[in-house]
Every structure is written in structure tokens, then in C-alpha cells.
Amino acid sequence: MQSILIIDDDPDIRELISFKLEQLGFEVHTESDGETGLAAVMQLQPDLVLLDWMMPKLTGIEVCSLIRDGSDNVGVPVIMLTARAQEADIQRGFAAGADDYIVKPFSPRELASRVEAVLARVS
């Protein structure tokens, strides 16, 4: 079973995404800030990370960059899931190492499709 780590400070978003992904058969873990999220990436070594940008302790951009700089988790795919929708923000997300970028509000169905597409590309 593939595992997905959701790192987002909004409990409603975490619950919605968790529900949708568990319905699709994924093992889901959640964290509410960048610092504990980064620690969970190192410990759990998930198959994919869904990452909010604006969070306490470490931003999603910082977490993504640290994942890409870490030797053990460089290959884990990261999808940024954020309200930051400006072109410069999207470019910055990809420059930090994101594999995909989804703007909030989002469709749970679209999110599921993108998760499956990213996982298919890396497997």
C-alpha cells in the first residue's frame, strides 16, 4: 500500500484530503506544521508528500527544499497544495523542487488524479 504524508496547518483540509485518499486505498499520515512534517518525511519515508506553503515553524517551500537537499528523501515526489496562486509563487514552488502545484481551493477529484499521475511517473 502506498503511503502519502499530508503536511498542512488547516485541520479541515487535512481531514478532507485524508478521507479522499483513504477511499482510494492509500495509507495516509498527517502533520500540522513544517517542522514536524519534515521529521515525518525522514521517519516515514512516504511515497508522496502533499505540502502546504504557508505553515508555522517551516514554510512548505523550506520543507520542500530541505527534502530535496536530504540524501535519503531526494526522490520522494512533492505536490504543493496552496492558496498562493501568482505565477511567481508557482515558479518558486517548482524551483524548490515540487513535482506538481495545486492551487486552493481545489477539487478533491482533481487532487486524486494528480496524486495518481505523479505516483505513476515515479514508479
PDB file of N, CA and C in Angstrom:
ATOM      1  N   MET A   1       0.847  -1.180   0.000  1.00  0.00           N
ATOM      2  CA  MET A   1       0.000   0.000   0.000  1.00  0.00           C
ATOM      3  C   MET A   1       0.895   1.246   0.000  1.00  0.00           C
ATOM      4  N   GLN A   2       0.631   2.164  -0.914  1.00  0.00           N
ATOM      5  CA  GLN A   2       1.429   3.387  -0.982  1.00  0.00           C
ATOM      6  C   GLN A   2       1.013   4.353   0.123  1.00  0.00           C
ATOM      7  N   SER A   3       2.006   5.071   0.650  1.00  0.00           N
ATOM      8  CA  SER A   3       1.728   5.995   1.743  1.00  0.00           C
ATOM      9  C   SER A   3       1.897   7.438   1.285  1.00  0.00           C
ATOM     10  N   ILE A   4       1.032   8.285   1.815  1.00  0.00           N
ATOM     11  CA  ILE A   4       1.054   9.710   1.500  1.00  0.00           C
ATOM     12  C   ILE A   4       1.093  10.482   2.810  1.00  0.00           C
ATOM     13  N   LEU A   5       1.973  11.464   2.864  1.00  0.00           N
ATOM     14  CA  LEU A   5       2.074  12.347   4.019  1.00  0.00           C
ATOM     15  C   LEU A   5       1.498  13.698   3.634  1.00  0.00           C
ATOM     16  N   ILE A   6       0.503  14.140   4.392  1.00  0.00           N
ATOM     17  CA  ILE A   6      -0.106  15.456   4.194  1.00  0.00           C
ATOM     18  C   ILE A   6       0.454  16.385   5.264  1.00  0.00           C
ATOM     19  N   ILE A   7       1.049  17.489   4.831  1.00  0.00           N
ATOM     20  CA  ILE A   7       1.566  18.485   5.773  1.00  0.00           C
ATOM     21  C   ILE A   7       0.816  19.785   5.493  1.00  0.00           C
ATOM     22  N   ASP A   8      -0.114  20.118   6.377  1.00  0.00           N
ATOM     23  CA  ASP A   8      -0.967  21.296   6.204  1.00  0.00           C
ATOM     24  C   ASP A   8      -1.452  21.729   7.579  1.00  0.00           C
ATOM     25  N   ASP A   9      -1.440  23.031   7.838  1.00  0.00           N
ATOM     26  CA  ASP A   9      -1.855  23.510   9.157  1.00  0.00           C
ATOM     27  C   ASP A   9      -3.365  23.627   9.317  1.00  0.00           C
ATOM     28  N   ASP A  10      -4.120  23.413   8.257  1.00  0.00           N
ATOM     29  CA  ASP A  10      -5.581  23.507   8.322  1.00  0.00           C
ATOM     30  C   ASP A  10      -6.173  22.115   8.573  1.00  0.00           C
ATOM     31  N   PRO A  11      -6.777  21.899   9.757  1.00  0.00           N
ATOM     32  CA  PRO A  11      -7.301  20.567  10.068  1.00  0.00           C
ATOM     33  C   PRO A  11      -8.419  20.119   9.124  1.00  0.00           C
ATOM     34  N   ASP A  12      -9.228  21.059   8.622  1.00  0.00           N
ATOM     35  CA  ASP A  12     -10.299  20.693   7.695  1.00  0.00           C
ATOM     36  C   ASP A  12      -9.733  20.180   6.368  1.00  0.00           C
ATOM     37  N   ILE A  13      -8.687  20.821   5.887  1.00  0.00           N
ATOM     38  CA  ILE A  13      -8.037  20.378   4.641  1.00  0.00           C
ATOM     39  C   ILE A  13      -7.422  18.999   4.852  1.00  0.00           C
ATOM     40  N   ARG A  14      -6.729  18.813   5.970  1.00  0.00           N
ATOM     41  CA  ARG A  14      -6.118  17.502   6.250  1.00  0.00           C
ATOM     42  C   ARG A  14      -7.184  16.402   6.278  1.00  0.00           C
ATOM     43  N   GLU A  15      -8.302  16.688   6.919  1.00  0.00           N
ATOM     44  CA  GLU A  15      -9.371  15.690   7.034  1.00  0.00           C
ATOM     45  C   GLU A  15      -9.984  15.377   5.669  1.00  0.00           C
ATOM     46  N   LEU A  16     -10.263  16.398   4.874  1.00  0.00           N
ATOM     47  CA  LEU A  16     -10.844  16.208   3.550  1.00  0.00           C
ATOM     48  C   LEU A  16      -9.924  15.375   2.656  1.00  0.00           C
ATOM     49  N   ILE A  17      -8.650  15.748   2.610  1.00  0.00           N
ATOM     50  CA  ILE A  17      -7.698  15.025   1.757  1.00  0.00           C
ATOM     51  C   ILE A  17      -7.504  13.599   2.264  1.00  0.00           C
ATOM     52  N   SER A  18      -7.372  13.453   3.562  1.00  0.00           N
ATOM     53  CA  SER A  18      -7.195  12.115   4.132  1.00  0.00           C
ATOM     54  C   SER A  18      -8.353  11.204   3.745  1.00  0.00           C
ATOM     55  N   PHE A  19      -9.562  11.711   3.900  1.00  0.00           N
ATOM     56  CA  PHE A  19     -10.751  10.915   3.581  1.00  0.00           C
ATOM     57  C   PHE A  19     -10.730  10.464   2.124  1.00  0.00           C
ATOM     58  N   LYS A  20     -10.467  11.412   1.221  1.00  0.00           N
ATOM     59  CA  LYS A  20     -10.468  11.102  -0.212  1.00  0.00           C
ATOM     60  C   LYS A  20      -9.381  10.078  -0.555  1.00  0.00           C
ATOM     61  N   LEU A  21      -8.186  10.261  -0.037  1.00  0.00           N
ATOM     62  CA  LEU A  21      -7.077   9.372  -0.381  1.00  0.00           C
ATOM     63  C   LEU A  21      -7.223   7.993   0.267  1.00  0.00           C
ATOM     64  N   GLU A  22      -7.776   7.946   1.462  1.00  0.00           N
ATOM     65  CA  GLU A  22      -8.022   6.641   2.097  1.00  0.00           C
ATOM     66  C   GLU A  22      -9.068   5.858   1.317  1.00  0.00           C
ATOM     67  N   GLN A  23     -10.072   6.551   0.765  1.00  0.00           N
ATOM     68  CA  GLN A  23     -11.071   5.890  -0.081  1.00  0.00           C
ATOM     69  C   GLN A  23     -10.420   5.231  -1.291  1.00  0.00           C
ATOM     70  N   LEU A  24      -9.317   5.825  -1.767  1.00  0.00           N
ATOM     71  CA  LEU A  24      -8.617   5.291  -2.941  1.00  0.00           C
ATOM     72  C   LEU A  24      -7.605   4.206  -2.576  1.00  0.00           C
ATOM     73  N   GLY A  25      -7.488   3.902  -1.270  1.00  0.00           N
ATOM     74  CA  GLY A  25      -6.623   2.817  -0.850  1.00  0.00           C
ATOM     75  C   GLY A  25      -5.232   3.221  -0.410  1.00  0.00           C
ATOM     76  N   PHE A  26      -4.991   4.504  -0.213  1.00  0.00           N
ATOM     77  CA  PHE A  26      -3.687   4.962   0.245  1.00  0.00           C
ATOM     78  C   PHE A  26      -3.620   4.928   1.771  1.00  0.00           C
ATOM     79  N   GLU A  27      -2.429   4.691   2.286  1.00  0.00           N
ATOM     80  CA  GLU A  27      -2.161   4.863   3.720  1.00  0.00           C
ATOM     81  C   GLU A  27      -1.802   6.334   3.902  1.00  0.00           C
ATOM     82  N   VAL A  28      -2.517   7.031   4.779  1.00  0.00           N
ATOM     83  CA  VAL A  28      -2.347   8.477   4.914  1.00  0.00           C
ATOM     84  C   VAL A  28      -1.843   8.830   6.311  1.00  0.00           C
ATOM     85  N   HIS A  29      -0.848   9.712   6.350  1.00  0.00           N
ATOM     86  CA  HIS A  29      -0.323  10.278   7.595  1.00  0.00           C
ATOM     87  C   HIS A  29      -0.441  11.789   7.471  1.00  0.00           C
ATOM     88  N   THR A  30      -0.621  12.474   8.594  1.00  0.00           N
ATOM     89  CA  THR A  30      -0.755  13.930   8.555  1.00  0.00           C
ATOM     90  C   THR A  30       0.130  14.589   9.603  1.00  0.00           C
ATOM     91  N   GLU A  31       0.541  15.793   9.274  1.00  0.00           N
ATOM     92  CA  GLU A  31       1.260  16.661  10.209  1.00  0.00           C
ATOM     93  C   GLU A  31       0.743  18.079  10.023  1.00  0.00           C
ATOM     94  N   SER A  32       0.851  18.899  11.078  1.00  0.00           N
ATOM     95  CA  SER A  32       0.228  20.224  11.050  1.00  0.00           C
ATOM     96  C   SER A  32       1.199  21.391  10.933  1.00  0.00           C
ATOM     97  N   ASP A  33       2.497  21.137  10.869  1.00  0.00           N
ATOM     98  CA  ASP A  33       3.441  22.232  10.659  1.00  0.00           C
ATOM     99  C   ASP A  33       4.671  21.705   9.917  1.00  0.00           C
ATOM    100  N   GLY A  34       5.445  22.629   9.403  1.00  0.00           N
ATOM    101  CA  GLY A  34       6.593  22.250   8.588  1.00  0.00           C
ATOM    102  C   GLY A  34       7.661  21.479   9.327  1.00  0.00           C
ATOM    103  N   GLU A  35       7.892  21.828  10.571  1.00  0.00           N
ATOM    104  CA  GLU A  35       8.955  21.168  11.341  1.00  0.00           C
ATOM    105  C   GLU A  35       8.618  19.695  11.619  1.00  0.00           C
ATOM    106  N   THR A  36       7.427  19.434  12.137  1.00  0.00           N
ATOM    107  CA  THR A  36       7.050  18.039  12.399  1.00  0.00           C
ATOM    108  C   THR A  36       6.831  17.285  11.092  1.00  0.00           C
ATOM    109  N   GLY A  37       6.392  18.016  10.060  1.00  0.00           N
ATOM    110  CA  GLY A  37       6.224  17.400   8.750  1.00  0.00           C
ATOM    111  C   GLY A  37       7.539  16.913   8.174  1.00  0.00           C
ATOM    112  N   LEU A  38       8.573  17.737   8.273  1.00  0.00           N
ATOM    113  CA  LEU A  38       9.891  17.343   7.779  1.00  0.00           C
ATOM    114  C   LEU A  38      10.411  16.125   8.543  1.00  0.00           C
ATOM    115  N   ALA A  39      10.234  16.125   9.859  1.00  0.00           N
ATOM    116  CA  ALA A  39      10.644  14.970  10.662  1.00  0.00           C
ATOM    117  C   ALA A  39       9.891  13.713  10.234  1.00  0.00           C
ATOM    118  N   ALA A  40       8.600  13.859   9.923  1.00  0.00           N
ATOM    119  CA  ALA A  40       7.798  12.713   9.487  1.00  0.00           C
ATOM    120  C   ALA A  40       8.262  12.196   8.125  1.00  0.00           C
ATOM    121  N   VAL A  41       8.677  13.100   7.238  1.00  0.00           N
ATOM    122  CA  VAL A  41       9.207  12.665   5.942  1.00  0.00           C
ATOM    123  C   VAL A  41      10.422  11.773   6.172  1.00  0.00           C
ATOM    124  N   MET A  42      11.314  12.202   7.059  1.00  0.00           N
ATOM    125  CA  MET A  42      12.530  11.436   7.321  1.00  0.00           C
ATOM    126  C   MET A  42      12.215  10.090   7.980  1.00  0.00           C
ATOM    127  N   GLN A  43      11.264  10.088   8.884  1.00  0.00           N
ATOM    128  CA  GLN A  43      10.934   8.862   9.619  1.00  0.00           C
ATOM    129  C   GLN A  43      10.101   7.894   8.782  1.00  0.00           C
ATOM    130  N   LEU A  44       9.056   8.399   8.135  1.00  0.00           N
ATOM    131  CA  LEU A  44       8.102   7.536   7.433  1.00  0.00           C
ATOM    132  C   LEU A  44       8.549   7.142   6.023  1.00  0.00           C
ATOM    133  N   GLN A  45       9.341   8.014   5.410  1.00  0.00           N
ATOM    134  CA  GLN A  45       9.734   7.844   4.011  1.00  0.00           C
ATOM    135  C   GLN A  45       8.520   7.509   3.142  1.00  0.00           C
ATOM    136  N   PRO A  46       7.571   8.455   3.061  1.00  0.00           N
ATOM    137  CA  PRO A  46       6.337   8.210   2.310  1.00  0.00           C
ATOM    138  C   PRO A  46       6.600   8.122   0.806  1.00  0.00           C
ATOM    139  N   ASP A  47       5.604   7.628   0.090  1.00  0.00           N
ATOM    140  CA  ASP A  47       5.694   7.545  -1.367  1.00  0.00           C
ATOM    141  C   ASP A  47       5.415   8.887  -2.028  1.00  0.00           C
ATOM    142  N   LEU A  48       4.734   9.792  -1.296  1.00  0.00           N
ATOM    143  CA  LEU A  48       4.413  11.111  -1.826  1.00  0.00           C
ATOM    144  C   LEU A  48       4.111  12.044  -0.658  1.00  0.00           C
ATOM    145  N   VAL A  49       4.439  13.330  -0.835  1.00  0.00           N
ATOM    146  CA  VAL A  49       4.145  14.355   0.174  1.00  0.00           C
ATOM    147  C   VAL A  49       3.239  15.407  -0.458  1.00  0.00           C
ATOM    148  N   LEU A  50       2.126  15.700   0.213  1.00  0.00           N
ATOM    149  CA  LEU A  50       1.264  16.834  -0.133  1.00  0.00           C
ATOM    150  C   LEU A  50       1.593  17.936   0.855  1.00  0.00           C
ATOM    151  N   LEU A  51       1.985  19.099   0.352  1.00  0.00           N
ATOM    152  CA  LEU A  51       2.626  20.103   1.187  1.00  0.00           C
ATOM    153  C   LEU A  51       2.019  21.483   0.996  1.00  0.00           C
ATOM    154  N   ASP A  52       1.504  22.049   2.083  1.00  0.00           N
ATOM    155  CA  ASP A  52       1.016  23.428   2.081  1.00  0.00           C
ATOM    156  C   ASP A  52       2.218  24.369   2.109  1.00  0.00           C
ATOM    157  N   TRP A  53       2.028  25.585   1.638  1.00  0.00           N
ATOM    158  CA  TRP A  53       3.111  26.570   1.624  1.00  0.00           C
ATOM    159  C   TRP A  53       3.170  27.321   2.945  1.00  0.00           C
ATOM    160  N   MET A  54       2.061  27.915   3.347  1.00  0.00           N
ATOM    161  CA  MET A  54       2.045  28.822   4.499  1.00  0.00           C
ATOM    162  C   MET A  54       1.696  28.052   5.769  1.00  0.00           C
ATOM    163  N   MET A  55       2.756  27.724   6.519  1.00  0.00           N
ATOM    164  CA  MET A  55       2.593  26.951   7.755  1.00  0.00           C
ATOM    165  C   MET A  55       3.520  27.508   8.826  1.00  0.00           C
ATOM    166  N   PRO A  56       3.222  27.193  10.090  1.00  0.00           N
ATOM    167  CA  PRO A  56       4.120  27.613  11.166  1.00  0.00           C
ATOM    168  C   PRO A  56       5.421  26.812  11.163  1.00  0.00           C
ATOM    169  N   LYS A  57       6.412  27.377  11.792  1.00  0.00           N
ATOM    170  CA  LYS A  57       7.734  26.785  12.041  1.00  0.00           C
ATOM    171  C   LYS A  57       8.598  26.720  10.788  1.00  0.00           C
ATOM    172  N   LEU A  58       8.220  25.965   9.783  1.00  0.00           N
ATOM    173  CA  LEU A  58       8.905  25.956   8.484  1.00  0.00           C
ATOM    174  C   LEU A  58       7.840  26.081   7.401  1.00  0.00           C
ATOM    175  N   THR A  59       8.100  26.903   6.395  1.00  0.00           N
ATOM    176  CA  THR A  59       7.150  27.014   5.287  1.00  0.00           C
ATOM    177  C   THR A  59       7.262  25.776   4.399  1.00  0.00           C
ATOM    178  N   GLY A  60       6.258  25.583   3.563  1.00  0.00           N
ATOM    179  CA  GLY A  60       6.299  24.475   2.625  1.00  0.00           C
ATOM    180  C   GLY A  60       7.476  24.567   1.669  1.00  0.00           C
ATOM    181  N   ILE A  61       7.823  25.779   1.274  1.00  0.00           N
ATOM    182  CA  ILE A  61       8.983  25.972   0.383  1.00  0.00           C
ATOM    183  C   ILE A  61      10.253  25.518   1.088  1.00  0.00           C
ATOM    184  N   GLU A  62      10.391  25.876   2.356  1.00  0.00           N
ATOM    185  CA  GLU A  62      11.573  25.444   3.116  1.00  0.00           C
ATOM    186  C   GLU A  62      11.600  23.929   3.259  1.00  0.00           C
ATOM    187  N   VAL A  63      10.452  23.338   3.570  1.00  0.00           N
ATOM    188  CA  VAL A  63      10.374  21.878   3.719  1.00  0.00           C
ATOM    189  C   VAL A  63      10.736  21.196   2.407  1.00  0.00           C
ATOM    190  N   CYS A  64      10.178  21.669   1.311  1.00  0.00           N
ATOM    191  CA  CYS A  64      10.460  21.071   0.006  1.00  0.00           C
ATOM    192  C   CYS A  64      11.955  21.151  -0.311  1.00  0.00           C
ATOM    193  N   SER A  65      12.552  22.302  -0.087  1.00  0.00           N
ATOM    194  CA  SER A  65      13.991  22.464  -0.335  1.00  0.00           C
ATOM    195  C   SER A  65      14.812  21.524   0.542  1.00  0.00           C
ATOM    196  N   LEU A  66      14.428  21.389   1.800  1.00  0.00           N
ATOM    197  CA  LEU A  66      15.157  20.502   2.710  1.00  0.00           C
ATOM    198  C   LEU A  66      14.995  19.033   2.315  1.00  0.00           C
ATOM    199  N   ILE A  67      13.816  18.666   1.815  1.00  0.00           N
ATOM    200  CA  ILE A  67      13.616  17.305   1.321  1.00  0.00           C
ATOM    201  C   ILE A  67      14.552  17.053   0.142  1.00  0.00           C
ATOM    202  N   ARG A  68      14.624  17.995  -0.763  1.00  0.00           N
ATOM    203  CA  ARG A  68      15.463  17.837  -1.950  1.00  0.00           C
ATOM    204  C   ARG A  68      16.954  17.837  -1.597  1.00  0.00           C
ATOM    205  N   ASP A  69      17.322  18.505  -0.519  1.00  0.00           N
ATOM    206  CA  ASP A  69      18.724  18.535  -0.098  1.00  0.00           C
ATOM    207  C   ASP A  69      19.116  17.312   0.717  1.00  0.00           C
ATOM    208  N   GLY A  70      18.123  16.600   1.274  1.00  0.00           N
ATOM    209  CA  GLY A  70      18.399  15.431   2.111  1.00  0.00           C
ATOM    210  C   GLY A  70      18.747  14.222   1.259  1.00  0.00           C
ATOM    211  N   SER A  71      19.711  13.463   1.683  1.00  0.00           N
ATOM    212  CA  SER A  71      20.188  12.343   0.862  1.00  0.00           C
ATOM    213  C   SER A  71      19.174  11.208   0.771  1.00  0.00           C
ATOM    214  N   ASP A  72      18.406  10.945   1.822  1.00  0.00           N
ATOM    215  CA  ASP A  72      17.506   9.793   1.834  1.00  0.00           C
ATOM    216  C   ASP A  72      16.189  10.034   1.100  1.00  0.00           C
ATOM    217  N   ASN A  73      15.743  11.271   1.011  1.00  0.00           N
ATOM    218  CA  ASN A  73      14.399  11.550   0.509  1.00  0.00           C
ATOM    219  C   ASN A  73      14.359  12.393  -0.757  1.00  0.00           C
ATOM    220  N   VAL A  74      15.477  12.510  -1.438  1.00  0.00           N
ATOM    221  CA  VAL A  74      15.536  13.363  -2.618  1.00  0.00           C
ATOM    222  C   VAL A  74      14.502  12.948  -3.663  1.00  0.00           C
ATOM    223  N   GLY A  75      14.242  11.663  -3.793  1.00  0.00           N
ATOM    224  CA  GLY A  75      13.342  11.181  -4.831  1.00  0.00           C
ATOM    225  C   GLY A  75      11.871  11.179  -4.487  1.00  0.00           C
ATOM    226  N   VAL A  76      11.505  11.464  -3.242  1.00  0.00           N
ATOM    227  CA  VAL A  76      10.086  11.440  -2.884  1.00  0.00           C
ATOM    228  C   VAL A  76       9.372  12.581  -3.624  1.00  0.00           C
ATOM    229  N   PRO A  77       8.280  12.257  -4.322  1.00  0.00           N
ATOM    230  CA  PRO A  77       7.557  13.313  -5.021  1.00  0.00           C
ATOM    231  C   PRO A  77       6.829  14.240  -4.041  1.00  0.00           C
ATOM    232  N   VAL A  78       6.797  15.512  -4.403  1.00  0.00           N
ATOM    233  CA  VAL A  78       6.145  16.529  -3.576  1.00  0.00           C
ATOM    234  C   VAL A  78       5.150  17.294  -4.444  1.00  0.00           C
ATOM    235  N   ILE A  79       3.926  17.385  -3.944  1.00  0.00           N
ATOM    236  CA  ILE A  79       2.911  18.227  -4.585  1.00  0.00           C
ATOM    237  C   ILE A  79       2.610  19.366  -3.635  1.00  0.00           C
ATOM    238  N   MET A  80       2.860  20.588  -4.097  1.00  0.00           N
ATOM    239  CA  MET A  80       2.492  21.764  -3.312  1.00  0.00           C
ATOM    240  C   MET A  80       0.983  21.961  -3.456  1.00  0.00           C
ATOM    241  N   LEU A  81       0.325  22.237  -2.334  1.00  0.00           N
ATOM    242  CA  LEU A  81      -1.118  22.442  -2.294  1.00  0.00           C
ATOM    243  C   LEU A  81      -1.334  23.723  -1.505  1.00  0.00           C
ATOM    244  N   THR A  82      -1.581  24.831  -2.209  1.00  0.00           N
ATOM    245  CA  THR A  82      -1.510  26.125  -1.560  1.00  0.00           C
ATOM    246  C   THR A  82      -2.465  27.150  -2.163  1.00  0.00           C
ATOM    247  N   ALA A  83      -2.750  28.173  -1.387  1.00  0.00           N
ATOM    248  CA  ALA A  83      -3.572  29.285  -1.869  1.00  0.00           C
ATOM    249  C   ALA A  83      -2.743  30.291  -2.663  1.00  0.00           C
ATOM    250  N   ARG A  84      -1.439  30.139  -2.666  1.00  0.00           N
ATOM    251  CA  ARG A  84      -0.561  31.074  -3.390  1.00  0.00           C
ATOM    252  C   ARG A  84      -0.632  30.761  -4.877  1.00  0.00           C
ATOM    253  N   ALA A  85      -1.293  31.668  -5.609  1.00  0.00           N
ATOM    254  CA  ALA A  85      -1.637  31.379  -6.997  1.00  0.00           C
ATOM    255  C   ALA A  85      -0.926  32.265  -8.022  1.00  0.00           C
ATOM    256  N   GLN A  86      -0.082  33.174  -7.577  1.00  0.00           N
ATOM    257  CA  GLN A  86       0.616  34.040  -8.517  1.00  0.00           C
ATOM    258  C   GLN A  86       1.642  33.237  -9.310  1.00  0.00           C
ATOM    259  N   GLU A  87       1.890  33.660 -10.530  1.00  0.00           N
ATOM    260  CA  GLU A  87       2.848  32.964 -11.385  1.00  0.00           C
ATOM    261  C   GLU A  87       4.220  32.851 -10.717  1.00  0.00           C
ATOM    262  N   ALA A  88       4.650  33.916 -10.042  1.00  0.00           N
ATOM    263  CA  ALA A  88       5.943  33.892  -9.352  1.00  0.00           C
ATOM    264  C   ALA A  88       5.957  32.853  -8.230  1.00  0.00           C
ATOM    265  N   ASP A  89       4.816  32.680  -7.548  1.00  0.00           N
ATOM    266  CA  ASP A  89       4.729  31.672  -6.490  1.00  0.00           C
ATOM    267  C   ASP A  89       4.855  30.271  -7.070  1.00  0.00           C
ATOM    268  N   ILE A  90       4.165  30.031  -8.168  1.00  0.00           N
ATOM    269  CA  ILE A  90       4.213  28.721  -8.806  1.00  0.00           C
ATOM    270  C   ILE A  90       5.632  28.412  -9.265  1.00  0.00           C
ATOM    271  N   GLN A  91       6.295  29.393  -9.866  1.00  0.00           N
ATOM    272  CA  GLN A  91       7.686  29.206 -10.290  1.00  0.00           C
ATOM    273  C   GLN A  91       8.583  28.906  -9.092  1.00  0.00           C
ATOM    274  N   ARG A  92       8.344  29.611  -8.000  1.00  0.00           N
ATOM    275  CA  ARG A  92       9.147  29.385  -6.795  1.00  0.00           C
ATOM    276  C   ARG A  92       8.923  27.981  -6.234  1.00  0.00           C
ATOM    277  N   GLY A  93       7.686  27.498  -6.296  1.00  0.00           N
ATOM    278  CA  GLY A  93       7.383  26.141  -5.839  1.00  0.00           C
ATOM    279  C   GLY A  93       8.132  25.099  -6.648  1.00  0.00           C
ATOM    280  N   PHE A  94       8.099  25.249  -7.958  1.00  0.00           N
ATOM    281  CA  PHE A  94       8.833  24.305  -8.804  1.00  0.00           C
ATOM    282  C   PHE A  94      10.340  24.437  -8.618  1.00  0.00           C
ATOM    283  N   ALA A  95      10.813  25.658  -8.427  1.00  0.00           N
ATOM    284  CA  ALA A  95      12.254  25.867  -8.207  1.00  0.00           C
ATOM    285  C   ALA A  95      12.721  25.214  -6.904  1.00  0.00           C
ATOM    286  N   ALA A  96      11.827  25.124  -5.921  1.00  0.00           N
ATOM    287  CA  ALA A  96      12.172  24.483  -4.646  1.00  0.00           C
ATOM    288  C   ALA A  96      12.183  22.962  -4.771  1.00  0.00           C
ATOM    289  N   GLY A  97      11.648  22.446  -5.894  1.00  0.00           N
ATOM    290  CA  GLY A  97      11.687  21.014  -6.116  1.00  0.00           C
ATOM    291  C   GLY A  97      10.340  20.321  -6.172  1.00  0.00           C
ATOM    292  N   ALA A  98       9.242  21.088  -6.185  1.00  0.00           N
ATOM    293  CA  ALA A  98       7.912  20.467  -6.252  1.00  0.00           C
ATOM    294  C   ALA A  98       7.726  19.758  -7.591  1.00  0.00           C
ATOM    295  N   ASP A  99       7.040  18.622  -7.561  1.00  0.00           N
ATOM    296  CA  ASP A  99       6.742  17.869  -8.773  1.00  0.00           C
ATOM    297  C   ASP A  99       5.440  18.324  -9.414  1.00  0.00           C
ATOM    298  N   ASP A 100       4.564  18.926  -8.611  1.00  0.00           N
ATOM    299  CA  ASP A 100       3.297  19.455  -9.115  1.00  0.00           C
ATOM    300  C   ASP A 100       2.867  20.564  -8.163  1.00  0.00           C
ATOM    301  N   TYR A 101       1.906  21.365  -8.595  1.00  0.00           N
ATOM    302  CA  TYR A 101       1.475  22.536  -7.836  1.00  0.00           C
ATOM    303  C   TYR A 101      -0.026  22.682  -8.029  1.00  0.00           C
ATOM    304  N   ILE A 102      -0.771  22.613  -6.940  1.00  0.00           N
ATOM    305  CA  ILE A 102      -2.231  22.721  -6.988  1.00  0.00           C
ATOM    306  C   ILE A 102      -2.651  23.921  -6.143  1.00  0.00           C
ATOM    307  N   VAL A 103      -3.508  24.748  -6.716  1.00  0.00           N
ATOM    308  CA  VAL A 103      -3.952  25.966  -6.045  1.00  0.00           C
ATOM    309  C   VAL A 103      -5.263  25.700  -5.315  1.00  0.00           C
ATOM    310  N   LYS A 104      -5.331  26.156  -4.052  1.00  0.00           N
ATOM    311  CA  LYS A 104      -6.571  26.100  -3.267  1.00  0.00           C
ATOM    312  C   LYS A 104      -7.453  27.264  -3.676  1.00  0.00           C
ATOM    313  N   PRO A 105      -8.752  27.114  -3.688  1.00  0.00           N
ATOM    314  CA  PRO A 105      -9.499  25.890  -3.435  1.00  0.00           C
ATOM    315  C   PRO A 105      -9.299  24.913  -4.593  1.00  0.00           C
ATOM    316  N   PHE A 106      -9.449  23.637  -4.298  1.00  0.00           N
ATOM    317  CA  PHE A 106      -9.182  22.597  -5.276  1.00  0.00           C
ATOM    318  C   PHE A 106     -10.313  21.586  -5.268  1.00  0.00           C
ATOM    319  N   SER A 107     -10.392  20.828  -6.325  1.00  0.00           N
ATOM    320  CA  SER A 107     -11.353  19.741  -6.418  1.00  0.00           C
ATOM    321  C   SER A 107     -10.705  18.477  -5.854  1.00  0.00           C
ATOM    322  N   PRO A 108     -11.339  17.797  -4.904  1.00  0.00           N
ATOM    323  CA  PRO A 108     -10.772  16.540  -4.395  1.00  0.00           C
ATOM    324  C   PRO A 108     -10.548  15.512  -5.504  1.00  0.00           C
ATOM    325  N   ARG A 109     -11.405  15.509  -6.496  1.00  0.00           N
ATOM    326  CA  ARG A 109     -11.253  14.575  -7.618  1.00  0.00           C
ATOM    327  C   ARG A 109      -9.996  14.915  -8.422  1.00  0.00           C
ATOM    328  N   GLU A 110      -9.774  16.213  -8.685  1.00  0.00           N
ATOM    329  CA  GLU A 110      -8.564  16.623  -9.404  1.00  0.00           C
ATOM    330  C   GLU A 110      -7.320  16.288  -8.589  1.00  0.00           C
ATOM    331  N   LEU A 111      -7.372  16.535  -7.293  1.00  0.00           N
ATOM    332  CA  LEU A 111      -6.240  16.208  -6.425  1.00  0.00           C
ATOM    333  C   LEU A 111      -5.912  14.721  -6.517  1.00  0.00           C
ATOM    334  N   ALA A 112      -6.924  13.872  -6.440  1.00  0.00           N
ATOM    335  CA  ALA A 112      -6.712  12.427  -6.527  1.00  0.00           C
ATOM    336  C   ALA A 112      -6.077  12.055  -7.863  1.00  0.00           C
ATOM    337  N   SER A 113      -6.541  12.669  -8.942  1.00  0.00           N
ATOM    338  CA  SER A 113      -5.975  12.386 -10.267  1.00  0.00           C
ATOM    339  C   SER A 113      -4.508  12.798 -10.349  1.00  0.00           C
ATOM    340  N   ARG A 114      -4.199  13.934  -9.785  1.00  0.00           N
ATOM    341  CA  ARG A 114      -2.806  14.403  -9.831  1.00  0.00           C
ATOM    342  C   ARG A 114      -1.896  13.547  -8.963  1.00  0.00           C
ATOM    343  N   VAL A 115      -2.393  13.138  -7.807  1.00  0.00           N
ATOM    344  CA  VAL A 115      -1.621  12.246  -6.945  1.00  0.00           C
ATOM    345  C   VAL A 115      -1.298  10.953  -7.693  1.00  0.00           C
ATOM    346  N   GLU A 116      -2.313  10.378  -8.309  1.00  0.00           N
ATOM    347  CA  GLU A 116      -2.122   9.126  -9.041  1.00  0.00           C
ATOM    348  C   GLU A 116      -1.169   9.317 -10.221  1.00  0.00           C
ATOM    349  N   ALA A 117      -1.264  10.461 -10.915  1.00  0.00           N
ATOM    350  CA  ALA A 117      -0.391  10.731 -12.044  1.00  0.00           C
ATOM    351  C   ALA A 117       1.068  10.890 -11.614  1.00  0.00           C
ATOM    352  N   VAL A 118       1.294  11.615 -10.538  1.00  0.00           N
ATOM    353  CA  VAL A 118       2.671  11.795 -10.040  1.00  0.00           C
ATOM    354  C   VAL A 118       3.245  10.468  -9.588  1.00  0.00           C
ATOM    355  N   LEU A 119       2.462   9.682  -8.867  1.00  0.00           N
ATOM    356  CA  LEU A 119       2.948   8.375  -8.418  1.00  0.00           C
ATOM    357  C   LEU A 119       3.231   7.440  -9.596  1.00  0.00           C
ATOM    358  N   ALA A 120       2.426   7.520 -10.645  1.00  0.00           N
ATOM    359  CA  ALA A 120       2.653   6.684 -11.836  1.00  0.00           C
ATOM    360  C   ALA A 120       3.954   7.075 -12.535  1.00  0.00           C
ATOM    361  N   ARG A 121       4.286   8.362 -12.527  1.00  0.00           N
ATOM    362  CA  ARG A 121       5.524   8.822 -13.184  1.00  0.00           C
ATOM    363  C   ARG A 121       6.765   8.352 -12.460  1.00  0.00           C
ATOM    364  N   VAL A 122       6.691   8.230 -11.147  1.00  0.00           N
ATOM    365  CA  VAL A 122       7.899   7.870 -10.378  1.00  0.00           C
ATOM    366  C   VAL A 122       8.048   6.398 -10.111  1.00  0.00           C
ATOM    367  N   SER A 123       7.019   5.613 -10.426  1.00  0.00           N
ATOM    368  CA  SER A 123       7.149   4.178 -10.128  1.00  0.00           C
ATOM    369  C   SER A 123       7.597   3.388 -11.331  1.00  0.00           C
TER     370      SER A 123
END
